[in-house]
Amino acid sequence: MRILKILAAAAALVALPATGALAQSGSFALGANLGTPGVGVEAQFRVSDSLVVRGGADWLSYSRDETYSGVEYDGKLKAATAGLFADWHLGGSAFLVSAGAYLGDRKVELDAQPAGPVNIGGATFTPAQVGRIDGKAKMSKAQPFVGLGFDNTFTSEGAWGFRALAGVSLSKAPDVSLRASGGTLSNDPTFQARLRQEEADLQDDADDFKYYPIVQIGVTRRF
């Protein structure tokens, strides 16, 4: 909430009339962002009235419980990415089309300790037989991005700017892996075969996560 208040306060400055102290004509800016990529920072360089190049980094950690095939998992989405983008400002305005790529790690970590009988790969096992299940779903290291947005960093008269962006980054189907430990059947070949089937079922679900939505707002300061 504190970050949102800071962003809102900074955005409000954009609406204030420009003064001599605020008026800037520089081609370089620094900014802070908040959105689905996480909390981030970035730098911008204006190449021309229509083209701005951006580079930045984002960090995200988000927890959520999910149930797959009857197994309740504690899930955590973690991301640490860097990005490089080119923004084409339509007619030199604040409205833009953006393209580029995110580089780095985006993954979902899963863990489950069943409290009752669960279905693993089409067969039912007890908690004592299963023990603990840990899993990961990793997205591509490089994820192309396209989006639309608004950014008045270099079109406003003041030094402060506001930006909003919406788009999607593209990944290969995430790689899913599951591992069992601490159960009486954790290393049993038959149970392992069932676990591989469960892994394949999760992989089918993970195919829907090839497209990662990007929604982001931020403030900038031109120098």
C-alpha atoms as a PDB file:
ATOM      1  CA  MET A   1       0.000   0.000   0.000  1.00  0.00           C
ATOM      2  CA  ARG A   2       2.870   2.386   0.762  1.00  0.00           C
ATOM      3  CA  ILE A   3       4.236   1.926  -2.760  1.00  0.00           C
ATOM      4  CA  LEU A   4       0.803   2.623  -4.263  1.00  0.00           C
ATOM      5  CA  LYS A   5       0.525   5.838  -2.234  1.00  0.00           C
ATOM      6  CA  ILE A   6       3.958   6.964  -3.448  1.00  0.00           C
ATOM      7  CA  LEU A   7       3.027   6.242  -7.073  1.00  0.00           C
ATOM      8  CA  ALA A   8      -0.294   8.065  -6.702  1.00  0.00           C
ATOM      9  CA  ALA A   9       1.355  11.091  -5.127  1.00  0.00           C
ATOM     10  CA  ALA A  10       3.989  11.263  -7.840  1.00  0.00           C
ATOM     11  CA  ALA A  11       1.364  10.870 -10.559  1.00  0.00           C
ATOM     12  CA  ALA A  12      -0.553  13.797  -9.065  1.00  0.00           C
ATOM     13  CA  LEU A  13       2.501  15.991  -9.614  1.00  0.00           C
ATOM     14  CA  VAL A  14       2.132  15.425 -13.347  1.00  0.00           C
ATOM     15  CA  ALA A  15      -1.146  17.313 -13.330  1.00  0.00           C
ATOM     16  CA  LEU A  16       0.368  20.404 -11.721  1.00  0.00           C
ATOM     17  CA  PRO A  17       1.227  23.341 -13.980  1.00  0.00           C
ATOM     18  CA  ALA A  18       4.840  23.376 -15.037  1.00  0.00           C
ATOM     19  CA  THR A  19       7.164  25.864 -13.339  1.00  0.00           C
ATOM     20  CA  GLY A  20      10.609  27.069 -14.233  1.00  0.00           C
ATOM     21  CA  ALA A  21      12.101  24.692 -11.672  1.00  0.00           C
ATOM     22  CA  LEU A  22      10.271  21.716 -13.155  1.00  0.00           C
ATOM     23  CA  ALA A  23      10.594  22.463 -16.836  1.00  0.00           C
ATOM     24  CA  GLN A  24      13.080  20.076 -18.396  1.00  0.00           C
ATOM     25  CA  SER A  25      14.260  19.287 -21.914  1.00  0.00           C
ATOM     26  CA  GLY A  26      16.520  16.321 -21.131  1.00  0.00           C
ATOM     27  CA  SER A  27      16.499  13.045 -23.030  1.00  0.00           C
ATOM     28  CA  PHE A  28      17.163  10.786 -20.035  1.00  0.00           C
ATOM     29  CA  ALA A  29      14.758   9.645 -17.304  1.00  0.00           C
ATOM     30  CA  LEU A  30      14.588   7.257 -14.372  1.00  0.00           C
ATOM     31  CA  GLY A  31      11.410   5.601 -13.117  1.00  0.00           C
ATOM     32  CA  ALA A  32       9.760   3.190 -10.689  1.00  0.00           C
ATOM     33  CA  ASN A  33       7.062   0.674 -11.652  1.00  0.00           C
ATOM     34  CA  LEU A  34       4.472  -1.578 -10.046  1.00  0.00           C
ATOM     35  CA  GLY A  35       2.481  -4.317 -11.777  1.00  0.00           C
ATOM     36  CA  THR A  36       2.294  -7.959 -12.771  1.00  0.00           C
ATOM     37  CA  PRO A  37       6.061  -8.155 -13.493  1.00  0.00           C
ATOM     38  CA  GLY A  38       6.583  -7.051  -9.866  1.00  0.00           C
ATOM     39  CA  VAL A  39       8.187  -3.987  -8.347  1.00  0.00           C
ATOM     40  CA  GLY A  40      10.731  -2.468 -10.684  1.00  0.00           C
ATOM     41  CA  VAL A  41      13.029   0.339 -11.733  1.00  0.00           C
ATOM     42  CA  GLU A  42      13.916   1.531 -15.210  1.00  0.00           C
ATOM     43  CA  ALA A  43      15.876   4.012 -17.273  1.00  0.00           C
ATOM     44  CA  GLN A  44      14.651   5.709 -20.451  1.00  0.00           C
ATOM     45  CA  PHE A  45      16.473   7.434 -23.295  1.00  0.00           C
ATOM     46  CA  ARG A  46      14.699   9.506 -25.942  1.00  0.00           C
ATOM     47  CA  VAL A  47      16.195   8.785 -29.344  1.00  0.00           C
ATOM     48  CA  SER A  48      13.716  11.016 -31.176  1.00  0.00           C
ATOM     49  CA  ASP A  49      10.263  12.525 -30.658  1.00  0.00           C
ATOM     50  CA  SER A  50       8.756   9.197 -31.705  1.00  0.00           C
ATOM     51  CA  LEU A  51      11.236   6.650 -30.300  1.00  0.00           C
ATOM     52  CA  VAL A  52      12.196   5.962 -26.681  1.00  0.00           C
ATOM     53  CA  VAL A  53      14.426   3.092 -25.561  1.00  0.00           C
ATOM     54  CA  ARG A  54      13.845   1.639 -22.086  1.00  0.00           C
ATOM     55  CA  GLY A  55      15.726  -0.811 -19.891  1.00  0.00           C
ATOM     56  CA  GLY A  56      14.767  -2.023 -16.453  1.00  0.00           C
ATOM     57  CA  ALA A  57      14.521  -4.750 -13.834  1.00  0.00           C
ATOM     58  CA  ASP A  58      11.577  -6.209 -11.883  1.00  0.00           C
ATOM     59  CA  TRP A  59      11.184  -8.478  -8.853  1.00  0.00           C
ATOM     60  CA  LEU A  60       8.080 -10.432  -7.823  1.00  0.00           C
ATOM     61  CA  SER A  61       7.083 -12.909  -5.093  1.00  0.00           C
ATOM     62  CA  TYR A  62       3.416 -13.914  -4.844  1.00  0.00           C
ATOM     63  CA  SER A  63       1.826 -16.821  -2.931  1.00  0.00           C
ATOM     64  CA  ARG A  64      -1.421 -18.608  -3.738  1.00  0.00           C
ATOM     65  CA  ASP A  65      -2.923 -22.042  -2.976  1.00  0.00           C
ATOM     66  CA  GLU A  66      -3.958 -24.144  -5.975  1.00  0.00           C
ATOM     67  CA  THR A  67      -5.540 -27.581  -6.416  1.00  0.00           C
ATOM     68  CA  TYR A  68      -4.428 -29.779  -9.312  1.00  0.00           C
ATOM     69  CA  SER A  69      -5.923 -33.245  -9.871  1.00  0.00           C
ATOM     70  CA  GLY A  70      -7.265 -33.227  -6.318  1.00  0.00           C
ATOM     71  CA  VAL A  71      -3.900 -32.388  -4.722  1.00  0.00           C
ATOM     72  CA  GLU A  72      -3.782 -29.112  -2.786  1.00  0.00           C
ATOM     73  CA  TYR A  73      -0.520 -27.274  -3.404  1.00  0.00           C
ATOM     74  CA  ASP A  74       0.968 -24.213  -1.771  1.00  0.00           C
ATOM     75  CA  GLY A  75       2.118 -22.203  -4.765  1.00  0.00           C
ATOM     76  CA  LYS A  76       4.515 -19.286  -5.056  1.00  0.00           C
ATOM     77  CA  LEU A  77       5.198 -17.262  -8.182  1.00  0.00           C
ATOM     78  CA  LYS A  78       8.730 -15.867  -8.193  1.00  0.00           C
ATOM     79  CA  ALA A  79      10.327 -13.650 -10.813  1.00  0.00           C
ATOM     80  CA  ALA A  80      13.530 -11.696 -11.239  1.00  0.00           C
ATOM     81  CA  THR A  81      13.732 -10.234 -14.731  1.00  0.00           C
ATOM     82  CA  ALA A  82      15.526  -7.576 -16.741  1.00  0.00           C
ATOM     83  CA  GLY A  83      14.045  -6.070 -19.865  1.00  0.00           C
ATOM     84  CA  LEU A  84      14.926  -3.998 -22.916  1.00  0.00           C
ATOM     85  CA  PHE A  85      12.176  -2.273 -24.920  1.00  0.00           C
ATOM     86  CA  ALA A  86      11.552   0.214 -27.715  1.00  0.00           C
ATOM     87  CA  ASP A  87       8.510   2.519 -27.460  1.00  0.00           C
ATOM     88  CA  TRP A  88       7.084   4.098 -30.611  1.00  0.00           C
ATOM     89  CA  HIS A  89       5.128   7.205 -29.623  1.00  0.00           C
ATOM     90  CA  LEU A  90       2.343   7.741 -32.131  1.00  0.00           C
ATOM     91  CA  GLY A  91       2.816  11.125 -33.770  1.00  0.00           C
ATOM     92  CA  GLY A  92       5.193  12.102 -30.978  1.00  0.00           C
ATOM     93  CA  SER A  93       2.334  11.885 -28.448  1.00  0.00           C
ATOM     94  CA  ALA A  94       2.235  10.167 -25.068  1.00  0.00           C
ATOM     95  CA  PHE A  95       0.431   7.128 -26.552  1.00  0.00           C
ATOM     96  CA  LEU A  96       2.753   4.330 -27.576  1.00  0.00           C
ATOM     97  CA  VAL A  97       3.287   0.882 -29.014  1.00  0.00           C
ATOM     98  CA  SER A  98       5.991  -1.081 -27.198  1.00  0.00           C
ATOM     99  CA  ALA A  99       8.048  -4.135 -28.147  1.00  0.00           C
ATOM    100  CA  GLY A 100      11.011  -5.862 -26.563  1.00  0.00           C
ATOM    101  CA  ALA A 101      11.840  -8.779 -24.298  1.00  0.00           C
ATOM    102  CA  TYR A 102      12.118  -9.858 -20.677  1.00  0.00           C
ATOM    103  CA  LEU A 103      15.173 -11.889 -19.680  1.00  0.00           C
ATOM    104  CA  GLY A 104      15.533 -13.887 -16.474  1.00  0.00           C
ATOM    105  CA  ASP A 105      13.595 -16.239 -14.227  1.00  0.00           C
ATOM    106  CA  ARG A 106       9.839 -16.586 -13.907  1.00  0.00           C
ATOM    107  CA  LYS A 107       8.789 -19.741 -12.097  1.00  0.00           C
ATOM    108  CA  VAL A 108       6.098 -21.265  -9.915  1.00  0.00           C
ATOM    109  CA  GLU A 109       7.190 -23.334  -6.934  1.00  0.00           C
ATOM    110  CA  LEU A 110       4.735 -25.925  -5.573  1.00  0.00           C
ATOM    111  CA  ASP A 111       4.685 -28.006  -2.415  1.00  0.00           C
ATOM    112  CA  ALA A 112       2.042 -30.319  -0.961  1.00  0.00           C
ATOM    113  CA  GLN A 113       1.746 -32.520   2.102  1.00  0.00           C
ATOM    114  CA  PRO A 114      -1.571 -34.372   1.758  1.00  0.00           C
ATOM    115  CA  ALA A 115      -3.684 -34.687   4.893  1.00  0.00           C
ATOM    116  CA  GLY A 116      -5.867 -37.420   3.407  1.00  0.00           C
ATOM    117  CA  PRO A 117      -5.929 -39.913   0.522  1.00  0.00           C
ATOM    118  CA  VAL A 118      -5.107 -38.286  -2.827  1.00  0.00           C
ATOM    119  CA  ASN A 119      -5.191 -39.304  -6.459  1.00  0.00           C
ATOM    120  CA  ILE A 120      -1.741 -39.303  -8.049  1.00  0.00           C
ATOM    121  CA  GLY A 121      -1.631 -40.138 -11.732  1.00  0.00           C
ATOM    122  CA  GLY A 122      -4.919 -42.044 -11.637  1.00  0.00           C
ATOM    123  CA  ALA A 123      -4.298 -44.071  -8.439  1.00  0.00           C
ATOM    124  CA  THR A 124      -5.128 -43.315  -4.801  1.00  0.00           C
ATOM    125  CA  PHE A 125      -2.385 -43.107  -2.175  1.00  0.00           C
ATOM    126  CA  THR A 126      -2.362 -42.327   1.545  1.00  0.00           C
ATOM    127  CA  PRO A 127      -0.458 -39.389   3.069  1.00  0.00           C
ATOM    128  CA  ALA A 128       2.072 -41.830   4.580  1.00  0.00           C
ATOM    129  CA  GLN A 129       2.743 -43.345   1.153  1.00  0.00           C
ATOM    130  CA  VAL A 130       3.047 -39.984  -0.611  1.00  0.00           C
ATOM    131  CA  GLY A 131       4.994 -37.976   1.970  1.00  0.00           C
ATOM    132  CA  ARG A 132       5.779 -34.552   0.518  1.00  0.00           C
ATOM    133  CA  ILE A 133       5.567 -33.415  -3.112  1.00  0.00           C
ATOM    134  CA  ASP A 134       7.674 -30.525  -4.388  1.00  0.00           C
ATOM    135  CA  GLY A 135       7.345 -29.126  -7.871  1.00  0.00           C
ATOM    136  CA  LYS A 136       8.458 -26.361 -10.210  1.00  0.00           C
ATOM    137  CA  ALA A 137       7.129 -24.831 -13.391  1.00  0.00           C
ATOM    138  CA  LYS A 138       9.709 -22.687 -15.178  1.00  0.00           C
ATOM    139  CA  MET A 139       9.011 -20.280 -18.020  1.00  0.00           C
ATOM    140  CA  SER A 140      11.432 -19.422 -20.797  1.00  0.00           C
ATOM    141  CA  LYS A 141      14.533 -17.436 -19.891  1.00  0.00           C
ATOM    142  CA  ALA A 142      13.772 -15.040 -22.774  1.00  0.00           C
ATOM    143  CA  GLN A 143      10.207 -13.798 -23.257  1.00  0.00           C
ATOM    144  CA  PRO A 144       9.330 -11.442 -26.147  1.00  0.00           C
ATOM    145  CA  PHE A 145       6.896  -8.663 -25.230  1.00  0.00           C
ATOM    146  CA  VAL A 146       4.373  -6.492 -27.118  1.00  0.00           C
ATOM    147  CA  GLY A 147       2.042  -3.919 -25.626  1.00  0.00           C
ATOM    148  CA  LEU A 148       0.248  -0.580 -25.751  1.00  0.00           C
ATOM    149  CA  GLY A 149       0.489   2.249 -23.287  1.00  0.00           C
ATOM    150  CA  PHE A 150       0.672   5.871 -22.237  1.00  0.00           C
ATOM    151  CA  ASP A 151       3.855   7.621 -21.128  1.00  0.00           C
ATOM    152  CA  ASN A 152       4.216  11.395 -20.933  1.00  0.00           C
ATOM    153  CA  THR A 153       7.785  11.384 -19.600  1.00  0.00           C
ATOM    154  CA  PHE A 154       9.052  13.344 -22.603  1.00  0.00           C
ATOM    155  CA  THR A 155       5.806  15.046 -23.663  1.00  0.00           C
ATOM    156  CA  SER A 156       4.843  16.791 -20.416  1.00  0.00           C
ATOM    157  CA  GLU A 157       6.260  20.205 -19.557  1.00  0.00           C
ATOM    158  CA  GLY A 158       7.238  19.178 -16.047  1.00  0.00           C
ATOM    159  CA  ALA A 159      10.063  16.941 -14.906  1.00  0.00           C
ATOM    160  CA  TRP A 160       7.713  14.261 -13.565  1.00  0.00           C
ATOM    161  CA  GLY A 161       5.878  11.812 -15.796  1.00  0.00           C
ATOM    162  CA  PHE A 162       3.285   9.061 -15.521  1.00  0.00           C
ATOM    163  CA  ARG A 163       3.205   5.814 -17.480  1.00  0.00           C
ATOM    164  CA  ALA A 164       0.736   2.938 -17.867  1.00  0.00           C
ATOM    165  CA  LEU A 165       1.341  -0.172 -19.951  1.00  0.00           C
ATOM    166  CA  ALA A 166      -0.659  -3.268 -20.896  1.00  0.00           C
ATOM    167  CA  GLY A 167       0.488  -6.187 -23.027  1.00  0.00           C
ATOM    168  CA  VAL A 168       1.710  -9.752 -22.968  1.00  0.00           C
ATOM    169  CA  SER A 169       5.027 -11.575 -22.802  1.00  0.00           C
ATOM    170  CA  LEU A 170       5.388 -14.878 -24.639  1.00  0.00           C
ATOM    171  CA  SER A 171       7.040 -18.028 -23.291  1.00  0.00           C
ATOM    172  CA  LYS A 172       7.448 -21.590 -24.403  1.00  0.00           C
ATOM    173  CA  ALA A 173       5.216 -24.000 -22.467  1.00  0.00           C
ATOM    174  CA  PRO A 174       6.645 -23.962 -18.913  1.00  0.00           C
ATOM    175  CA  ASP A 175       8.773 -26.972 -17.954  1.00  0.00           C
ATOM    176  CA  VAL A 176       7.108 -28.830 -15.066  1.00  0.00           C
ATOM    177  CA  SER A 177       8.837 -31.202 -12.640  1.00  0.00           C
ATOM    178  CA  LEU A 178       7.589 -33.032  -9.515  1.00  0.00           C
ATOM    179  CA  ARG A 179       9.541 -34.813  -6.780  1.00  0.00           C
ATOM    180  CA  ALA A 180       8.262 -36.886  -3.847  1.00  0.00           C
ATOM    181  CA  SER A 181      10.113 -37.391  -0.568  1.00  0.00           C
ATOM    182  CA  GLY A 182       9.503 -38.733   2.944  1.00  0.00           C
ATOM    183  CA  GLY A 183       6.807 -41.265   1.997  1.00  0.00           C
ATOM    184  CA  THR A 184       6.907 -45.042   2.229  1.00  0.00           C
ATOM    185  CA  LEU A 185       6.484 -45.229  -1.554  1.00  0.00           C
ATOM    186  CA  SER A 186       8.509 -42.158  -2.538  1.00  0.00           C
ATOM    187  CA  ASN A 187      11.119 -44.271  -4.363  1.00  0.00           C
ATOM    188  CA  ASP A 188       8.791 -47.077  -5.454  1.00  0.00           C
ATOM    189  CA  PRO A 189       8.903 -47.534  -9.269  1.00  0.00           C
ATOM    190  CA  THR A 190       5.120 -47.902  -9.548  1.00  0.00           C
ATOM    191  CA  PHE A 191       4.517 -44.735  -7.519  1.00  0.00           C
ATOM    192  CA  GLN A 192       7.169 -42.910  -9.540  1.00  0.00           C
ATOM    193  CA  ALA A 193       5.340 -43.873 -12.732  1.00  0.00           C
ATOM    194  CA  ARG A 194       2.127 -42.432 -11.292  1.00  0.00           C
ATOM    195  CA  LEU A 195       4.006 -39.268 -10.291  1.00  0.00           C
ATOM    196  CA  ARG A 196       5.283 -38.894 -13.862  1.00  0.00           C
ATOM    197  CA  GLN A 197       1.667 -39.117 -15.058  1.00  0.00           C
ATOM    198  CA  GLU A 198       0.703 -36.421 -12.543  1.00  0.00           C
ATOM    199  CA  GLU A 199       3.590 -34.351 -13.888  1.00  0.00           C
ATOM    200  CA  ALA A 200       2.284 -34.774 -17.440  1.00  0.00           C
ATOM    201  CA  ASP A 201      -1.201 -33.673 -16.351  1.00  0.00           C
ATOM    202  CA  LEU A 202       0.281 -30.562 -14.739  1.00  0.00           C
ATOM    203  CA  GLN A 203       2.277 -29.918 -17.894  1.00  0.00           C
ATOM    204  CA  ASP A 204      -0.968 -29.825 -19.890  1.00  0.00           C
ATOM    205  CA  ASP A 205      -2.373 -27.230 -17.472  1.00  0.00           C
ATOM    206  CA  ALA A 206       0.859 -25.230 -17.605  1.00  0.00           C
ATOM    207  CA  ASP A 207       0.540 -24.826 -21.379  1.00  0.00           C
ATOM    208  CA  ASP A 208      -2.028 -22.090 -20.652  1.00  0.00           C
ATOM    209  CA  PHE A 209       0.719 -20.014 -19.011  1.00  0.00           C
ATOM    210  CA  LYS A 210       2.688 -19.447 -22.207  1.00  0.00           C
ATOM    211  CA  TYR A 211       1.152 -15.968 -22.254  1.00  0.00           C
ATOM    212  CA  TYR A 212       2.006 -13.838 -19.227  1.00  0.00           C
ATOM    213  CA  PRO A 213      -0.140 -10.688 -18.892  1.00  0.00           C
ATOM    214  CA  ILE A 214       1.751  -7.455 -18.353  1.00  0.00           C
ATOM    215  CA  VAL A 215      -0.116  -4.627 -16.608  1.00  0.00           C
ATOM    216  CA  GLN A 216       2.079  -1.910 -15.165  1.00  0.00           C
ATOM    217  CA  ILE A 217       1.933   1.651 -13.859  1.00  0.00           C
ATOM    218  CA  GLY A 218       4.798   3.883 -12.886  1.00  0.00           C
ATOM    219  CA  VAL A 219       6.240   7.334 -12.396  1.00  0.00           C
ATOM    220  CA  THR A 220       9.316   8.846 -14.018  1.00  0.00           C
ATOM    221  CA  ARG A 221      11.670  11.768 -13.457  1.00  0.00           C
ATOM    222  CA  ARG A 222      13.286  13.436 -16.452  1.00  0.00           C
ATOM    223  CA  PHE A 223      16.779  14.896 -16.271  1.00  0.00           C
END
